[in-house]
Amino acid sequence: MFDVKASSKDVRRLATSLKRYQDEIKQASKAVEKAIGAANWHDKQKDQFVARYQDHNKQVNRFVTDQVNEMIKSLNALASKLEEIERMRM
């Protein structure tokens, strides 16, 4: 018999939390971009700030898109395997 030390429900909950994290980051990025556009600030410093922010945002988006999606996919696959094992135990 298998020695399982994880709950499929808990693993799926973790995947759901990561998805929520991903969505919250996207919403926060949109809010910052909106605030930058609305700011009454027009000089070279703002241009430098915007460039730095956009670079940072690209890196964050790359991580969220690539790494977090892969984590979610792996967690869901693990949860499916755990569910199969749990069914076998019944």
N, C-alpha and C. Protein backbone atom coordinates (compact mmCIF):
# COMPACT_ATOMS: atom_id res chain seq x y z
N MET A 1 0.85 -1.18 0.00
CA MET A 1 0.00 0.00 0.00
C MET A 1 0.89 1.25 0.00
N PHE A 2 0.34 2.35 -0.41
CA PHE A 2 1.08 3.61 -0.52
C PHE A 2 1.13 4.32 0.83
N ASP A 3 2.24 4.99 1.08
CA ASP A 3 2.39 5.78 2.29
C ASP A 3 2.25 7.26 1.89
N VAL A 4 1.00 7.74 1.92
CA VAL A 4 0.71 9.10 1.49
C VAL A 4 0.64 10.02 2.71
N LYS A 5 1.37 11.11 2.64
CA LYS A 5 1.38 12.07 3.75
C LYS A 5 0.95 13.44 3.27
N ALA A 6 -0.05 13.44 2.41
CA ALA A 6 -0.58 14.70 1.89
C ALA A 6 -2.06 14.52 1.59
N SER A 7 -2.77 15.60 1.69
CA SER A 7 -4.20 15.60 1.40
C SER A 7 -4.42 16.24 0.04
N SER A 8 -5.17 15.55 -0.82
CA SER A 8 -5.44 16.12 -2.14
C SER A 8 -6.17 17.45 -2.01
N LYS A 9 -7.05 17.56 -1.02
CA LYS A 9 -7.79 18.81 -0.82
C LYS A 9 -6.85 19.95 -0.43
N ASP A 10 -5.89 19.65 0.44
CA ASP A 10 -4.93 20.68 0.86
C ASP A 10 -4.03 21.10 -0.30
N VAL A 11 -3.63 20.13 -1.12
CA VAL A 11 -2.78 20.44 -2.27
C VAL A 11 -3.56 21.29 -3.27
N ARG A 12 -4.81 20.96 -3.50
CA ARG A 12 -5.65 21.77 -4.41
C ARG A 12 -5.88 23.17 -3.83
N ARG A 13 -6.04 23.25 -2.51
CA ARG A 13 -6.22 24.55 -1.87
C ARG A 13 -4.97 25.42 -2.08
N LEU A 14 -3.81 24.79 -1.99
CA LEU A 14 -2.56 25.52 -2.22
C LEU A 14 -2.49 26.01 -3.67
N ALA A 15 -2.88 25.16 -4.62
CA ALA A 15 -2.90 25.58 -6.03
C ALA A 15 -3.85 26.75 -6.23
N THR A 16 -5.00 26.70 -5.57
CA THR A 16 -5.98 27.79 -5.66
C THR A 16 -5.41 29.07 -5.06
N SER A 17 -4.70 28.94 -3.95
CA SER A 17 -4.08 30.12 -3.33
C SER A 17 -3.04 30.74 -4.25
N LEU A 18 -2.26 29.91 -4.93
CA LEU A 18 -1.28 30.43 -5.87
C LEU A 18 -1.95 31.16 -7.04
N LYS A 19 -3.06 30.63 -7.50
CA LYS A 19 -3.81 31.29 -8.58
C LYS A 19 -4.32 32.64 -8.10
N ARG A 20 -4.82 32.68 -6.87
CA ARG A 20 -5.30 33.94 -6.30
C ARG A 20 -4.13 34.94 -6.18
N TYR A 21 -2.99 34.45 -5.75
CA TYR A 21 -1.78 35.27 -5.65
C TYR A 21 -1.45 35.87 -7.02
N GLN A 22 -1.51 35.03 -8.04
CA GLN A 22 -1.24 35.47 -9.40
C GLN A 22 -2.22 36.56 -9.84
N ASP A 23 -3.48 36.35 -9.57
CA ASP A 23 -4.51 37.34 -9.93
C ASP A 23 -4.33 38.65 -9.18
N GLU A 24 -3.97 38.56 -7.89
CA GLU A 24 -3.77 39.76 -7.09
C GLU A 24 -2.58 40.57 -7.57
N ILE A 25 -1.53 39.89 -7.98
CA ILE A 25 -0.36 40.59 -8.52
C ILE A 25 -0.74 41.33 -9.79
N LYS A 26 -1.51 40.68 -10.65
CA LYS A 26 -1.93 41.34 -11.89
C LYS A 26 -2.79 42.56 -11.59
N GLN A 27 -3.70 42.44 -10.64
CA GLN A 27 -4.55 43.58 -10.28
C GLN A 27 -3.72 44.71 -9.68
N ALA A 28 -2.77 44.36 -8.82
CA ALA A 28 -1.91 45.39 -8.22
C ALA A 28 -1.09 46.10 -9.28
N SER A 29 -0.59 45.36 -10.26
CA SER A 29 0.18 45.97 -11.35
C SER A 29 -0.68 46.95 -12.13
N LYS A 30 -1.92 46.57 -12.41
CA LYS A 30 -2.83 47.47 -13.13
C LYS A 30 -3.09 48.73 -12.33
N ALA A 31 -3.25 48.59 -11.01
CA ALA A 31 -3.50 49.75 -10.15
C ALA A 31 -2.31 50.69 -10.15
N VAL A 32 -1.10 50.14 -10.10
CA VAL A 32 0.10 50.97 -10.12
C VAL A 32 0.24 51.68 -11.47
N GLU A 33 0.01 50.95 -12.55
CA GLU A 33 0.09 51.58 -13.87
C GLU A 33 -0.92 52.71 -14.01
N LYS A 34 -2.10 52.51 -13.47
CA LYS A 34 -3.12 53.56 -13.50
C LYS A 34 -2.67 54.77 -12.68
N ALA A 35 -2.10 54.51 -11.51
CA ALA A 35 -1.62 55.60 -10.65
C ALA A 35 -0.47 56.35 -11.31
N ILE A 36 0.40 55.63 -11.98
CA ILE A 36 1.51 56.29 -12.68
C ILE A 36 0.97 57.21 -13.77
N GLY A 37 0.02 56.71 -14.52
CA GLY A 37 -0.57 57.51 -15.59
C GLY A 37 -1.32 58.73 -15.09
N ALA A 38 -1.94 58.59 -13.91
CA ALA A 38 -2.73 59.69 -13.36
C ALA A 38 -1.90 60.70 -12.57
N ALA A 39 -0.67 60.34 -12.25
CA ALA A 39 0.17 61.23 -11.43
C ALA A 39 0.49 62.52 -12.18
N ASN A 40 0.35 63.62 -11.48
CA ASN A 40 0.70 64.93 -12.04
C ASN A 40 2.20 65.13 -11.81
N TRP A 41 2.96 64.44 -12.64
CA TRP A 41 4.41 64.42 -12.47
C TRP A 41 5.00 64.26 -13.87
N HIS A 42 5.65 65.29 -14.34
CA HIS A 42 6.15 65.29 -15.72
C HIS A 42 7.58 65.81 -15.75
N ASP A 43 8.51 64.93 -15.51
CA ASP A 43 9.91 65.31 -15.63
C ASP A 43 10.76 64.08 -15.89
N LYS A 44 12.06 64.28 -15.95
CA LYS A 44 13.00 63.21 -16.27
C LYS A 44 12.98 62.13 -15.18
N GLN A 45 12.80 62.54 -13.93
CA GLN A 45 12.77 61.57 -12.85
C GLN A 45 11.60 60.60 -13.01
N LYS A 46 10.46 61.13 -13.43
CA LYS A 46 9.32 60.25 -13.64
C LYS A 46 9.62 59.26 -14.77
N ASP A 47 10.22 59.75 -15.83
CA ASP A 47 10.58 58.86 -16.94
C ASP A 47 11.50 57.74 -16.47
N GLN A 48 12.47 58.08 -15.62
CA GLN A 48 13.38 57.07 -15.08
C GLN A 48 12.64 56.10 -14.18
N PHE A 49 11.75 56.64 -13.35
CA PHE A 49 10.95 55.79 -12.48
C PHE A 49 10.09 54.82 -13.29
N VAL A 50 9.42 55.34 -14.30
CA VAL A 50 8.55 54.52 -15.14
C VAL A 50 9.37 53.41 -15.81
N ALA A 51 10.54 53.74 -16.31
CA ALA A 51 11.39 52.73 -16.96
C ALA A 51 11.78 51.65 -15.96
N ARG A 52 12.18 52.05 -14.75
CA ARG A 52 12.55 51.07 -13.71
C ARG A 52 11.36 50.22 -13.33
N TYR A 53 10.20 50.85 -13.16
CA TYR A 53 9.00 50.11 -12.79
C TYR A 53 8.62 49.11 -13.88
N GLN A 54 8.66 49.55 -15.13
CA GLN A 54 8.29 48.66 -16.23
C GLN A 54 9.23 47.46 -16.32
N ASP A 55 10.52 47.70 -16.09
CA ASP A 55 11.49 46.60 -16.09
C ASP A 55 11.17 45.62 -14.95
N HIS A 56 10.94 46.17 -13.78
CA HIS A 56 10.59 45.33 -12.62
C HIS A 56 9.30 44.56 -12.90
N ASN A 57 8.31 45.23 -13.44
CA ASN A 57 7.02 44.61 -13.72
C ASN A 57 7.16 43.46 -14.73
N LYS A 58 8.02 43.62 -15.73
CA LYS A 58 8.26 42.55 -16.70
C LYS A 58 8.84 41.33 -16.01
N GLN A 59 9.78 41.55 -15.10
CA GLN A 59 10.39 40.44 -14.37
C GLN A 59 9.36 39.72 -13.50
N VAL A 60 8.55 40.49 -12.81
CA VAL A 60 7.51 39.90 -11.96
C VAL A 60 6.52 39.12 -12.82
N ASN A 61 6.08 39.71 -13.92
CA ASN A 61 5.13 39.04 -14.80
C ASN A 61 5.71 37.75 -15.38
N ARG A 62 6.97 37.78 -15.72
CA ARG A 62 7.63 36.58 -16.24
C ARG A 62 7.62 35.48 -15.18
N PHE A 63 7.97 35.84 -13.94
CA PHE A 63 7.96 34.87 -12.85
C PHE A 63 6.56 34.33 -12.64
N VAL A 64 5.60 35.22 -12.56
CA VAL A 64 4.22 34.81 -12.28
C VAL A 64 3.71 33.92 -13.41
N THR A 65 3.96 34.33 -14.63
CA THR A 65 3.46 33.56 -15.76
C THR A 65 4.13 32.19 -15.85
N ASP A 66 5.44 32.17 -15.79
CA ASP A 66 6.17 30.92 -15.99
C ASP A 66 6.19 30.04 -14.74
N GLN A 67 6.76 30.57 -13.69
CA GLN A 67 6.97 29.77 -12.49
C GLN A 67 5.69 29.41 -11.76
N VAL A 68 4.85 30.39 -11.52
CA VAL A 68 3.64 30.14 -10.75
C VAL A 68 2.69 29.22 -11.53
N ASN A 69 2.57 29.44 -12.84
CA ASN A 69 1.73 28.54 -13.64
C ASN A 69 2.25 27.10 -13.57
N GLU A 70 3.56 26.94 -13.62
CA GLU A 70 4.15 25.60 -13.52
C GLU A 70 3.89 24.99 -12.14
N MET A 71 3.99 25.81 -11.09
CA MET A 71 3.70 25.32 -9.74
C MET A 71 2.24 24.87 -9.63
N ILE A 72 1.34 25.67 -10.17
CA ILE A 72 -0.09 25.34 -10.12
C ILE A 72 -0.34 24.04 -10.87
N LYS A 73 0.23 23.91 -12.04
CA LYS A 73 0.08 22.70 -12.84
C LYS A 73 0.59 21.48 -12.08
N SER A 74 1.76 21.59 -11.47
CA SER A 74 2.35 20.48 -10.72
C SER A 74 1.50 20.11 -9.51
N LEU A 75 1.02 21.12 -8.81
CA LEU A 75 0.18 20.86 -7.63
C LEU A 75 -1.13 20.17 -8.03
N ASN A 76 -1.73 20.61 -9.11
CA ASN A 76 -2.97 19.97 -9.57
C ASN A 76 -2.73 18.53 -10.01
N ALA A 77 -1.59 18.27 -10.66
CA ALA A 77 -1.25 16.90 -11.04
C ALA A 77 -1.04 16.03 -9.80
N LEU A 78 -0.36 16.58 -8.81
CA LEU A 78 -0.16 15.84 -7.55
C LEU A 78 -1.49 15.56 -6.88
N ALA A 79 -2.36 16.55 -6.84
CA ALA A 79 -3.67 16.37 -6.22
C ALA A 79 -4.46 15.27 -6.93
N SER A 80 -4.37 15.21 -8.24
CA SER A 80 -5.06 14.15 -9.00
C SER A 80 -4.51 12.78 -8.63
N LYS A 81 -3.21 12.67 -8.51
CA LYS A 81 -2.60 11.39 -8.10
C LYS A 81 -3.03 11.02 -6.69
N LEU A 82 -3.05 12.00 -5.81
CA LEU A 82 -3.47 11.74 -4.43
C LEU A 82 -4.93 11.30 -4.38
N GLU A 83 -5.76 11.92 -5.19
CA GLU A 83 -7.18 11.52 -5.24
C GLU A 83 -7.32 10.07 -5.70
N GLU A 84 -6.52 9.69 -6.66
CA GLU A 84 -6.53 8.31 -7.15
C GLU A 84 -6.13 7.35 -6.03
N ILE A 85 -5.09 7.71 -5.31
CA ILE A 85 -4.64 6.87 -4.18
C ILE A 85 -5.71 6.81 -3.10
N GLU A 86 -6.34 7.95 -2.83
CA GLU A 86 -7.39 7.99 -1.81
C GLU A 86 -8.56 7.10 -2.22
N ARG A 87 -8.91 7.08 -3.51
CA ARG A 87 -9.99 6.20 -3.99
C ARG A 87 -9.62 4.74 -3.83
N MET A 88 -8.34 4.43 -4.06
CA MET A 88 -7.87 3.03 -3.94
C MET A 88 -7.98 2.55 -2.49
N ARG A 89 -7.83 3.44 -1.55
CA ARG A 89 -7.88 3.09 -0.13
C ARG A 89 -9.30 2.77 0.34
N MET A 90 -10.29 3.29 -0.38
CA MET A 90 -11.67 3.10 0.05
C MET A 90 -12.18 1.74 -0.26
